[in-house]
């Protein structure tokens, strides 16, 4: 029997139904999500600072400390205290009178914008956002520096641990670092489709 005849014989005698059942069983029984060890917040912060996400972060103990944390970041980046501020009621306790120029509309060349993430994912360092009247989406893609407020208690370990949005938002999107491209002469460029820098302020 030639090699060709042997191959054809094996194909004729194969049991497709059995093969499909075996493959399905292997998929169900396999461990599909990575094992992560350590405190969820520590894992999340490591993912943020890793090469995939390349974000910076700061930590505050109370929402009233947010303006000072934003000012620290802007100073490190040699930026003026100017940014888009969303009309989120969570930001009500913040005092922005310390020399900030706040915008309620974002210009295409806005240097910085503040956003509030609904939750974070330690496994990937992702940030999850829901749009709404108090959380416009466009400013988060127009700015050069995206500064994100994230509550520590909303950080989950794995992707499938994210609670569903209630109520369902009109738009829902994930951010895992800034975008990049090597389309132009093979040179890596950050911020190809949005902000060039991502900074997370963790409220815990």
Protein backbone atom coordinates (compact mmCIF):
# COMPACT_ATOMS: atom_id res chain seq x y z
CA UNK A 1 0.00 0.00 0.00
CA UNK A 2 1.34 3.38 -0.98
CA UNK A 3 1.60 6.26 1.51
CA UNK A 4 -1.27 7.95 -0.32
CA UNK A 5 -3.50 4.89 0.01
CA UNK A 6 -2.65 4.63 3.73
CA UNK A 7 -3.65 8.23 4.36
CA UNK A 8 -6.92 7.83 2.44
CA UNK A 9 -7.70 4.65 4.36
CA UNK A 10 -7.22 6.39 7.69
CA UNK A 11 -9.50 9.21 6.57
CA UNK A 12 -12.22 6.77 5.45
CA UNK A 13 -12.08 4.87 8.76
CA UNK A 14 -12.06 7.98 10.97
CA UNK A 15 -15.05 8.69 13.18
CA UNK A 16 -15.77 12.43 12.85
CA UNK A 17 -18.39 12.39 15.58
CA UNK A 18 -15.96 10.81 18.04
CA UNK A 19 -13.23 13.31 17.11
CA UNK A 20 -15.55 16.26 17.70
CA UNK A 21 -16.68 14.91 21.04
CA UNK A 22 -13.09 14.38 22.16
CA UNK A 23 -12.09 17.89 21.14
CA UNK A 24 -15.08 19.39 22.91
CA UNK A 25 -14.23 17.45 26.06
CA UNK A 26 -10.63 18.66 25.97
CA UNK A 27 -11.78 22.27 25.67
CA UNK A 28 -14.16 21.94 28.61
CA UNK A 29 -11.67 20.16 30.84
CA UNK A 30 -8.70 22.39 30.03
CA UNK A 31 -7.75 25.28 32.29
CA UNK A 32 -8.41 28.23 30.00
CA UNK A 33 -7.59 31.14 32.29
CA UNK A 34 -4.14 31.80 33.72
CA UNK A 35 -3.39 31.13 37.35
CA UNK A 36 -2.53 34.36 39.13
CA UNK A 37 -0.92 34.39 42.54
CA UNK A 38 -0.86 37.24 45.03
CA UNK A 39 -3.17 40.06 46.03
CA UNK A 40 -5.47 41.21 43.22
CA UNK A 41 -4.39 44.85 43.50
CA UNK A 42 -0.69 43.93 43.37
CA UNK A 43 -1.29 41.82 40.26
CA UNK A 44 -3.21 44.67 38.65
CA UNK A 45 -0.48 47.23 39.36
CA UNK A 46 2.18 44.88 37.96
CA UNK A 47 0.14 44.45 34.81
CA UNK A 48 -0.25 48.22 34.50
CA UNK A 49 3.48 48.82 34.65
CA UNK A 50 4.33 45.88 32.35
CA UNK A 51 5.44 46.31 28.75
CA UNK A 52 2.00 45.40 27.37
CA UNK A 53 0.17 48.25 29.12
CA UNK A 54 3.04 50.65 29.95
CA UNK A 55 0.91 52.83 32.24
CA UNK A 56 1.91 54.77 35.34
CA UNK A 57 -0.09 54.88 38.55
CA UNK A 58 -0.59 56.69 41.83
CA UNK A 59 -2.63 55.85 44.94
CA UNK A 60 -4.90 57.99 47.09
CA UNK A 61 -6.85 57.20 50.24
CA UNK A 62 -9.78 59.58 49.72
CA UNK A 63 -11.52 61.15 46.73
CA UNK A 64 -10.67 64.63 48.06
CA UNK A 65 -6.98 63.83 47.36
CA UNK A 66 -7.65 63.45 43.63
CA UNK A 67 -6.83 67.05 42.59
CA UNK A 68 -3.42 66.83 44.29
CA UNK A 69 -2.73 63.50 42.57
CA UNK A 70 -3.69 64.97 39.19
CA UNK A 71 -1.49 68.01 39.87
CA UNK A 72 1.47 65.74 40.69
CA UNK A 73 1.10 63.90 37.42
CA UNK A 74 0.74 67.06 35.34
CA UNK A 75 3.81 68.55 37.02
CA UNK A 76 5.89 65.44 36.24
CA UNK A 77 4.84 65.76 32.61
CA UNK A 78 5.61 69.51 32.56
CA UNK A 79 1.98 70.26 31.73
CA UNK A 80 -0.20 73.14 32.86
CA UNK A 81 -3.00 72.37 35.30
CA UNK A 82 -5.59 72.15 32.55
CA UNK A 83 -7.80 69.18 31.73
CA UNK A 84 -11.19 67.97 30.65
CA UNK A 85 -13.30 67.04 33.67
CA UNK A 86 -16.35 64.79 33.19
CA UNK A 87 -19.60 65.70 34.99
CA UNK A 88 -19.36 62.61 37.20
CA UNK A 89 -21.06 63.02 40.60
CA UNK A 90 -18.30 60.91 42.19
CA UNK A 91 -15.99 63.90 41.70
CA UNK A 92 -18.24 66.21 43.75
CA UNK A 93 -16.02 66.26 46.88
CA UNK A 94 -12.98 67.40 44.89
CA UNK A 95 -11.70 70.97 45.20
CA UNK A 96 -10.18 72.08 41.91
CA UNK A 97 -9.53 75.66 42.95
CA UNK A 98 -5.76 75.18 43.18
CA UNK A 99 -4.91 76.76 39.86
CA UNK A 100 -6.76 74.30 37.61
CA UNK A 101 -8.30 75.30 34.29
CA UNK A 102 -11.15 72.84 33.82
CA UNK A 103 -12.95 72.20 30.52
CA UNK A 104 -16.41 70.75 30.10
CA UNK A 105 -15.80 70.17 26.40
CA UNK A 106 -12.71 68.48 24.99
CA UNK A 107 -10.77 70.02 22.13
CA UNK A 108 -9.08 67.73 19.54
CA UNK A 109 -5.69 68.77 20.97
CA UNK A 110 -6.68 68.52 24.65
CA UNK A 111 -3.48 67.79 26.63
CA UNK A 112 -5.17 65.85 29.44
CA UNK A 113 -8.54 64.39 30.37
CA UNK A 114 -9.86 62.75 33.51
CA UNK A 115 -12.07 59.67 33.28
CA UNK A 116 -13.64 57.34 35.83
CA UNK A 117 -13.36 53.60 35.13
CA UNK A 118 -16.15 51.27 36.24
CA UNK A 119 -13.71 48.49 37.12
CA UNK A 120 -10.29 47.04 36.38
CA UNK A 121 -8.97 43.55 35.56
CA UNK A 122 -5.83 42.34 37.32
CA UNK A 123 -5.15 39.56 34.80
CA UNK A 124 -4.58 41.99 31.92
CA UNK A 125 -4.34 45.45 33.50
CA UNK A 126 -7.49 46.45 31.61
CA UNK A 127 -9.81 49.32 32.49
CA UNK A 128 -13.54 49.04 31.78
CA UNK A 129 -15.64 52.10 30.95
CA UNK A 130 -19.37 52.60 30.45
CA UNK A 131 -20.60 55.70 28.67
CA UNK A 132 -23.46 57.84 29.91
CA UNK A 133 -24.49 61.46 30.52
CA UNK A 134 -21.80 61.76 33.22
CA UNK A 135 -19.19 59.74 31.33
CA UNK A 136 -18.68 60.91 27.71
CA UNK A 137 -16.41 58.70 25.63
CA UNK A 138 -14.96 61.08 23.02
CA UNK A 139 -12.71 63.14 25.37
CA UNK A 140 -10.94 59.93 26.44
CA UNK A 141 -9.72 59.42 22.87
CA UNK A 142 -8.88 63.03 21.96
CA UNK A 143 -6.45 63.83 24.77
CA UNK A 144 -2.71 63.23 24.84
CA UNK A 145 -2.72 62.13 28.50
CA UNK A 146 -5.60 60.04 29.85
CA UNK A 147 -5.82 60.13 33.65
CA UNK A 148 -8.15 57.48 35.08
CA UNK A 149 -9.70 57.28 38.52
CA UNK A 150 -10.26 53.67 39.60
CA UNK A 151 -11.70 52.45 42.90
CA UNK A 152 -9.64 49.59 44.32
CA UNK A 153 -12.69 47.58 45.37
CA UNK A 154 -13.82 47.34 41.74
CA UNK A 155 -10.69 45.52 40.55
CA UNK A 156 -11.37 41.86 39.74
CA UNK A 157 -8.89 39.07 39.12
CA UNK A 158 -10.00 37.58 35.80
CA UNK A 159 -11.81 38.84 32.73
CA UNK A 160 -14.90 36.73 33.38
CA UNK A 161 -15.21 38.15 36.91
CA UNK A 162 -16.35 41.55 35.60
CA UNK A 163 -19.91 42.23 36.79
CA UNK A 164 -22.44 43.15 34.10
CA UNK A 165 -23.35 46.79 33.64
CA UNK A 166 -26.61 47.82 35.25
CA UNK A 167 -28.26 49.60 33.59
CA UNK A 168 -26.89 48.63 30.20
CA UNK A 169 -24.91 51.58 28.79
CA UNK A 170 -25.19 52.83 25.24
CA UNK A 171 -21.49 52.08 24.76
CA UNK A 172 -19.04 49.97 26.70
CA UNK A 173 -15.31 49.79 26.03
CA UNK A 174 -12.08 48.40 27.45
CA UNK A 175 -8.69 50.08 27.60
CA UNK A 176 -5.56 47.97 27.99
CA UNK A 177 -2.76 50.48 27.65
CA UNK A 178 -2.33 52.97 24.85
CA UNK A 179 -2.51 52.05 21.20
CA UNK A 180 0.57 51.81 19.05
CA UNK A 181 1.60 51.13 15.47
CA UNK A 182 4.72 50.32 13.47
CA UNK A 183 3.09 51.09 10.12
CA UNK A 184 5.28 54.13 9.45
CA UNK A 185 8.79 53.01 8.43
CA UNK A 186 8.68 50.24 11.03
CA UNK A 187 9.05 52.71 13.89
CA UNK A 188 6.91 52.16 16.97
CA UNK A 189 4.57 55.11 17.60
CA UNK A 190 2.49 55.40 20.78
CA UNK A 191 -1.00 56.82 20.74
CA UNK A 192 -1.85 55.87 17.17
CA UNK A 193 -5.59 55.75 17.87
CA UNK A 194 -5.99 57.73 21.07
CA UNK A 195 -3.97 58.95 24.06
CA UNK A 196 -0.21 58.54 24.10
CA UNK A 197 0.03 58.26 27.89
CA UNK A 198 -2.13 56.44 30.45
CA UNK A 199 -2.04 57.22 34.18
CA UNK A 200 -4.22 55.41 36.73
CA UNK A 201 -5.06 56.90 40.14
CA UNK A 202 -6.16 54.10 42.42
CA UNK A 203 -8.56 55.10 45.19
CA UNK A 204 -8.28 52.67 48.08
